[in-house]
Amino acid sequence: MSLSPYFRGLAAVTVATVALSTAGLMTRLVSIDAPTLLFLRGTIAGSFLFVCLFAVNRGRVGPDFARLGRAGLLICATSAVCAVLFIGALYTTSVAHVAIIFATCPFVAAGLGRLLLGEKPTRSALVASGVAMGGVLLMIGSGEEGSLFGDALAFAMTVMVAFWTVLLRRFPDKPALPCTVASCLLSALIALPFASPLVASTHDLLVVLGFGVLVFSVGFLLLTIGARDVPPVEAALIGALDAPLAPLWVLIFLGDRPSGSTVIGGTIVLVAVCLHILSAHRTATTSAAKS
């Protein structure tokens, strides 16, 4: 039995979230500043995806970008701003703080989805969002230091991500690969005046190259594709997986151990998201069987 577009979207967003949750780890593995990292990441990921686009479409590359139109360019610009705010937040507050604040995205997405699309979130999605928020509130009590400015950047990023998911849902016909290429390159262009790519060490370049090609390019593309078939609140809910995963990668690879309340709260978020995905799969399977 083939999977429904809805469940394929859930799977794509989930895999993308796991991949993109390693961004905090990347910022801890390099010694370059935020604009330089943003420039290198955007340039590497955007160039790699452009090569993929050219290999797949060849003579249709120009028309594919032309199909973006104003709505597509708005999607690209919003995604690029998200990247700028995200990297800025990771450099000015803790990985856990960024992840915790981002976990509130389902509530922002639910409001924007209802306001701009008239979509009413499902009861299970709202319940899961409430449970996830309980885990977030518990993690806030971990006592980990952050900064007001960094937390503000993380909240602004959260709002922009929610708006981006709504735009993808509103304009599902925009080509995913050109959107992702343009977004990556635009974020690099924004960072260029402040970046110093020539001072990056070989180690830093290899780290960004590995993450840019193997992780972020695939993650951005899957997220752009998957968010088209999933209501904004649910895409944002799955994105809440970043809350437990981002500190986990830092713990595994760098030994930066989070507090007990962070671990417990992150587990609550993880369980809420997993239960919702299982519930959505069961619903999709039942609907397919009846049709």
Protein backbone atom coordinates (compact mmCIF):
# COMPACT_ATOMS: atom_id res chain seq x y z
CA MET A 1 0.00 0.00 0.00
CA SER A 2 1.40 3.41 -0.97
CA LEU A 3 1.69 6.10 1.66
CA SER A 4 -0.59 9.13 1.50
CA PRO A 5 0.91 12.55 0.65
CA TYR A 6 0.11 13.62 4.21
CA PHE A 7 2.12 10.83 5.82
CA ARG A 8 4.96 11.22 3.29
CA GLY A 9 5.04 14.88 4.31
CA LEU A 10 5.22 13.90 7.98
CA ALA A 11 8.11 11.53 7.26
CA ALA A 12 10.01 14.15 5.22
CA VAL A 13 9.59 16.85 7.88
CA THR A 14 10.69 14.42 10.61
CA VAL A 15 13.87 13.36 8.79
CA ALA A 16 14.62 17.01 7.96
CA THR A 17 14.20 18.02 11.60
CA VAL A 18 16.62 15.34 12.77
CA ALA A 19 19.17 16.49 10.19
CA LEU A 20 18.81 20.21 10.92
CA SER A 21 18.96 19.65 14.69
CA THR A 22 22.73 19.17 14.31
CA ALA A 23 23.24 22.88 13.57
CA GLY A 24 24.04 23.59 17.21
CA LEU A 25 26.72 20.91 17.17
CA MET A 26 28.25 22.43 14.03
CA THR A 27 28.55 25.86 15.65
CA ARG A 28 30.44 24.28 18.54
CA LEU A 29 32.84 22.40 16.25
CA VAL A 30 34.11 25.48 14.39
CA SER A 31 36.03 28.57 15.50
CA ILE A 32 34.72 31.00 12.85
CA ASP A 33 32.25 33.79 13.57
CA ALA A 34 28.52 33.63 12.82
CA PRO A 35 28.48 35.61 9.52
CA THR A 36 31.37 33.55 8.13
CA LEU A 37 29.66 30.30 9.08
CA LEU A 38 26.38 31.49 7.57
CA PHE A 39 28.13 32.53 4.35
CA LEU A 40 30.04 29.26 4.00
CA ARG A 41 27.05 27.09 4.87
CA GLY A 42 24.74 28.90 2.47
CA THR A 43 27.28 28.92 -0.35
CA ILE A 44 28.21 25.26 0.01
CA ALA A 45 24.66 23.95 0.45
CA GLY A 46 23.26 26.23 -2.26
CA SER A 47 25.99 25.33 -4.77
CA PHE A 48 25.61 21.61 -4.12
CA LEU A 49 21.85 21.76 -4.59
CA PHE A 50 22.23 23.87 -7.73
CA VAL A 51 24.45 21.16 -9.22
CA CYS A 52 21.78 18.60 -8.31
CA LEU A 53 19.12 20.80 -9.93
CA PHE A 54 21.18 21.19 -13.09
CA ALA A 55 21.83 17.44 -13.27
CA VAL A 56 18.14 16.62 -12.89
CA ASN A 57 16.54 19.35 -15.01
CA ARG A 58 19.37 20.53 -17.29
CA GLY A 59 17.67 22.77 -19.87
CA ARG A 60 14.74 23.59 -17.55
CA VAL A 61 16.78 25.31 -14.82
CA GLY A 62 15.87 28.82 -16.00
CA PRO A 63 12.14 28.12 -16.32
CA ASP A 64 12.16 26.40 -12.91
CA PHE A 65 13.49 29.55 -11.24
CA ALA A 66 11.06 31.69 -13.24
CA ARG A 67 8.19 29.63 -11.78
CA LEU A 68 9.01 30.95 -8.33
CA GLY A 69 7.28 34.27 -8.96
CA ARG A 70 6.65 36.73 -6.14
CA ALA A 71 5.23 34.11 -3.82
CA GLY A 72 8.22 31.83 -4.34
CA LEU A 73 10.65 34.67 -3.75
CA LEU A 74 8.81 35.50 -0.52
CA ILE A 75 9.21 31.88 0.57
CA CYS A 76 12.94 32.02 -0.26
CA ALA A 77 13.44 35.32 1.56
CA THR A 78 11.59 34.08 4.64
CA SER A 79 13.69 30.92 4.74
CA ALA A 80 16.90 32.93 4.37
CA VAL A 81 15.92 35.21 7.26
CA CYS A 82 15.18 32.11 9.35
CA ALA A 83 18.72 30.86 8.70
CA VAL A 84 20.26 34.22 9.65
CA LEU A 85 18.30 34.42 12.89
CA PHE A 86 18.97 30.77 13.71
CA ILE A 87 22.75 30.98 13.39
CA GLY A 88 22.74 34.31 15.21
CA ALA A 89 20.81 32.80 18.10
CA LEU A 90 23.12 29.77 18.33
CA TYR A 91 26.10 32.12 18.68
CA THR A 92 24.54 34.37 21.33
CA THR A 93 22.70 31.94 23.61
CA SER A 94 22.86 28.25 24.49
CA VAL A 95 21.87 25.43 22.13
CA ALA A 96 19.29 24.28 24.67
CA HIS A 97 17.71 27.76 24.89
CA VAL A 98 17.38 28.00 21.12
CA ALA A 99 15.84 24.53 20.94
CA ILE A 100 13.48 25.19 23.84
CA ILE A 101 12.21 28.46 22.40
CA PHE A 102 11.81 26.90 18.96
CA ALA A 103 9.59 24.22 20.48
CA THR A 104 6.90 26.88 20.93
CA CYS A 105 6.59 27.05 17.13
CA PRO A 106 3.43 24.87 16.98
CA PHE A 107 1.46 27.51 18.86
CA VAL A 108 2.68 30.29 16.57
CA ALA A 109 2.03 28.13 13.49
CA ALA A 110 -1.45 27.23 14.70
CA GLY A 111 -2.34 30.90 15.05
CA LEU A 112 -0.89 31.88 11.68
CA GLY A 113 -2.42 28.85 9.97
CA ARG A 114 -5.84 29.73 11.30
CA LEU A 115 -5.41 33.42 10.49
CA LEU A 116 -3.94 33.12 6.98
CA LEU A 117 -5.24 29.77 5.74
CA GLY A 118 -8.39 29.22 7.79
CA GLU A 119 -7.03 25.79 8.83
CA LYS A 120 -8.30 24.47 12.12
CA PRO A 121 -5.65 22.29 13.81
CA THR A 122 -6.68 18.76 14.76
CA ARG A 123 -7.43 17.94 18.35
CA SER A 124 -4.56 15.45 18.55
CA ALA A 125 -2.12 18.07 17.24
CA LEU A 126 -3.27 20.58 19.85
CA VAL A 127 -3.06 18.02 22.64
CA ALA A 128 0.42 16.99 21.55
CA SER A 129 1.43 20.67 21.35
CA GLY A 130 0.21 21.20 24.90
CA VAL A 131 2.18 18.20 26.14
CA ALA A 132 5.27 19.41 24.29
CA MET A 133 4.89 22.84 25.84
CA GLY A 134 4.81 21.20 29.26
CA GLY A 135 8.17 19.65 28.47
CA VAL A 136 9.48 23.01 27.27
CA LEU A 137 8.39 24.75 30.47
CA LEU A 138 10.17 22.07 32.48
CA MET A 139 13.36 22.54 30.46
CA ILE A 140 13.27 26.30 31.04
CA GLY A 141 13.83 25.55 34.71
CA SER A 142 17.15 23.83 33.91
CA GLY A 143 19.08 26.90 35.02
CA GLU A 144 21.27 26.97 31.91
CA GLU A 145 22.58 30.44 31.19
CA GLY A 146 21.62 32.24 28.04
CA SER A 147 21.28 35.83 26.92
CA LEU A 148 18.25 38.03 26.43
CA PHE A 149 19.43 39.08 22.96
CA GLY A 150 20.07 35.50 21.87
CA ASP A 151 16.72 34.36 23.22
CA ALA A 152 15.03 37.22 21.34
CA LEU A 153 16.73 36.09 18.11
CA ALA A 154 15.53 32.54 18.76
CA PHE A 155 11.95 33.73 19.26
CA ALA A 156 12.08 35.86 16.08
CA MET A 157 13.39 32.79 14.23
CA THR A 158 10.50 30.74 15.62
CA VAL A 159 7.93 33.22 14.33
CA MET A 160 9.58 33.31 10.90
CA VAL A 161 9.70 29.51 10.66
CA ALA A 162 6.00 29.35 11.49
CA PHE A 163 5.28 31.96 8.80
CA TRP A 164 7.44 30.00 6.33
CA THR A 165 5.49 26.77 6.89
CA VAL A 166 2.25 28.67 6.31
CA LEU A 167 3.60 30.09 3.04
CA LEU A 168 4.62 26.62 1.84
CA ARG A 169 1.15 25.34 2.64
CA ARG A 170 -0.45 28.31 0.89
CA PHE A 171 1.67 28.03 -2.30
CA PRO A 172 2.39 24.29 -2.72
CA ASP A 173 3.04 24.60 -6.47
CA LYS A 174 6.38 26.39 -6.10
CA PRO A 175 9.32 24.15 -7.13
CA ALA A 176 11.06 22.83 -4.01
CA LEU A 177 14.64 22.53 -5.29
CA PRO A 178 14.91 26.03 -6.81
CA CYS A 179 13.31 27.42 -3.63
CA THR A 180 15.95 25.75 -1.48
CA VAL A 181 18.83 26.80 -3.74
CA ALA A 182 17.70 30.43 -3.77
CA SER A 183 17.17 30.44 0.00
CA CYS A 184 20.66 29.09 0.74
CA LEU A 185 22.38 31.50 -1.63
CA LEU A 186 20.34 34.45 -0.36
CA SER A 187 21.35 33.72 3.25
CA ALA A 188 24.99 33.64 2.11
CA LEU A 189 24.52 36.96 0.29
CA ILE A 190 23.07 38.56 3.43
CA ALA A 191 26.07 37.42 5.48
CA LEU A 192 28.73 38.28 2.87
CA PRO A 193 29.40 41.92 3.93
CA PHE A 194 30.18 40.75 7.48
CA ALA A 195 31.93 37.45 6.69
CA SER A 196 35.64 36.61 6.58
CA PRO A 197 35.74 33.30 4.68
CA LEU A 198 39.47 33.57 3.91
CA VAL A 199 40.39 33.25 7.60
CA ALA A 200 38.58 29.91 8.00
CA SER A 201 40.91 27.04 8.84
CA THR A 202 40.99 23.76 6.92
CA HIS A 203 39.24 22.11 9.86
CA ASP A 204 36.43 24.67 9.80
CA LEU A 205 36.01 24.33 6.04
CA LEU A 206 35.82 20.55 6.25
CA VAL A 207 33.23 20.70 9.06
CA VAL A 208 31.03 23.17 7.19
CA LEU A 209 31.49 21.24 3.94
CA GLY A 210 30.41 17.99 5.58
CA PHE A 211 27.39 19.51 7.28
CA GLY A 212 26.48 21.68 4.30
CA VAL A 213 26.44 18.85 1.75
CA LEU A 214 25.42 15.81 3.78
CA VAL A 215 23.08 17.36 6.33
CA PHE A 216 21.71 20.82 5.64
CA SER A 217 21.18 20.60 1.89
CA VAL A 218 19.19 17.38 2.30
CA GLY A 219 17.41 18.70 5.39
CA PHE A 220 16.35 21.98 3.75
CA LEU A 221 15.10 20.17 0.68
CA LEU A 222 13.09 17.57 2.64
CA LEU A 223 11.61 20.28 4.85
CA THR A 224 10.56 22.34 1.84
CA ILE A 225 8.95 19.28 0.23
CA GLY A 226 7.32 17.86 3.35
CA ALA A 227 5.85 21.10 4.71
CA ARG A 228 3.63 21.37 1.62
CA ASP A 229 1.57 18.32 2.62
CA VAL A 230 1.37 18.90 6.37
CA PRO A 231 -0.70 21.55 8.21
CA PRO A 232 1.56 24.28 9.69
CA VAL A 233 0.84 23.37 13.31
CA GLU A 234 1.83 19.76 12.70
CA ALA A 235 4.99 20.62 10.75
CA ALA A 236 5.96 22.93 13.61
CA LEU A 237 5.08 20.25 16.16
CA ILE A 238 7.50 17.82 14.55
CA GLY A 239 10.04 20.64 14.49
CA ALA A 240 9.77 20.62 18.29
CA LEU A 241 11.92 17.47 18.13
CA ASP A 242 14.80 19.91 17.86
CA ALA A 243 14.35 20.65 21.58
CA PRO A 244 15.61 17.29 22.86
CA LEU A 245 17.80 16.43 19.85
CA ALA A 246 19.96 19.57 19.60
CA PRO A 247 21.37 19.31 23.15
CA LEU A 248 21.68 15.53 22.70
CA TRP A 249 24.12 15.87 19.78
CA VAL A 250 26.24 18.30 21.80
CA LEU A 251 26.24 15.84 24.71
CA ILE A 252 27.21 12.84 22.56
CA PHE A 253 30.00 14.49 20.61
CA LEU A 254 31.29 17.18 22.97
CA GLY A 255 30.31 15.88 26.40
CA ASP A 256 28.32 19.01 27.26
CA ARG A 257 25.84 17.42 29.67
CA PRO A 258 22.41 19.09 30.09
CA SER A 259 20.70 19.26 33.47
CA GLY A 260 18.24 16.64 34.69
CA SER A 261 15.23 18.86 34.06
CA THR A 262 16.40 19.44 30.47
CA VAL A 263 16.64 15.70 29.90
CA ILE A 264 13.21 15.03 31.39
CA GLY A 265 11.56 17.93 29.56
CA GLY A 266 13.21 16.93 26.29
CA THR A 267 11.94 13.39 26.73
CA ILE A 268 8.38 14.70 27.19
CA VAL A 269 8.66 16.67 23.95
CA LEU A 270 10.06 13.65 22.12
CA VAL A 271 7.28 11.37 23.37
CA ALA A 272 4.57 13.90 22.41
CA VAL A 273 5.91 14.19 18.87
CA CYS A 274 6.37 10.43 18.41
CA LEU A 275 2.86 9.68 19.66
CA HIS A 276 1.40 12.25 17.30
CA ILE A 277 3.27 10.79 14.32
CA LEU A 278 2.02 7.30 15.21
CA SER A 279 -1.52 8.63 15.58
CA ALA A 280 -1.30 10.38 12.21
CA HIS A 281 -0.02 7.19 10.57
CA ARG A 282 -2.88 5.19 12.06
CA THR A 283 -5.41 7.75 10.84
CA ALA A 284 -3.89 7.86 7.35
CA THR A 285 -3.85 4.05 7.15
CA THR A 286 -7.48 3.80 8.23
CA SER A 287 -8.57 6.43 5.71
CA ALA A 288 -6.68 4.68 2.91
CA ALA A 289 -8.28 1.36 3.81
CA LYS A 290 -11.77 2.83 3.65
CA SER A 291 -11.23 4.53 0.28
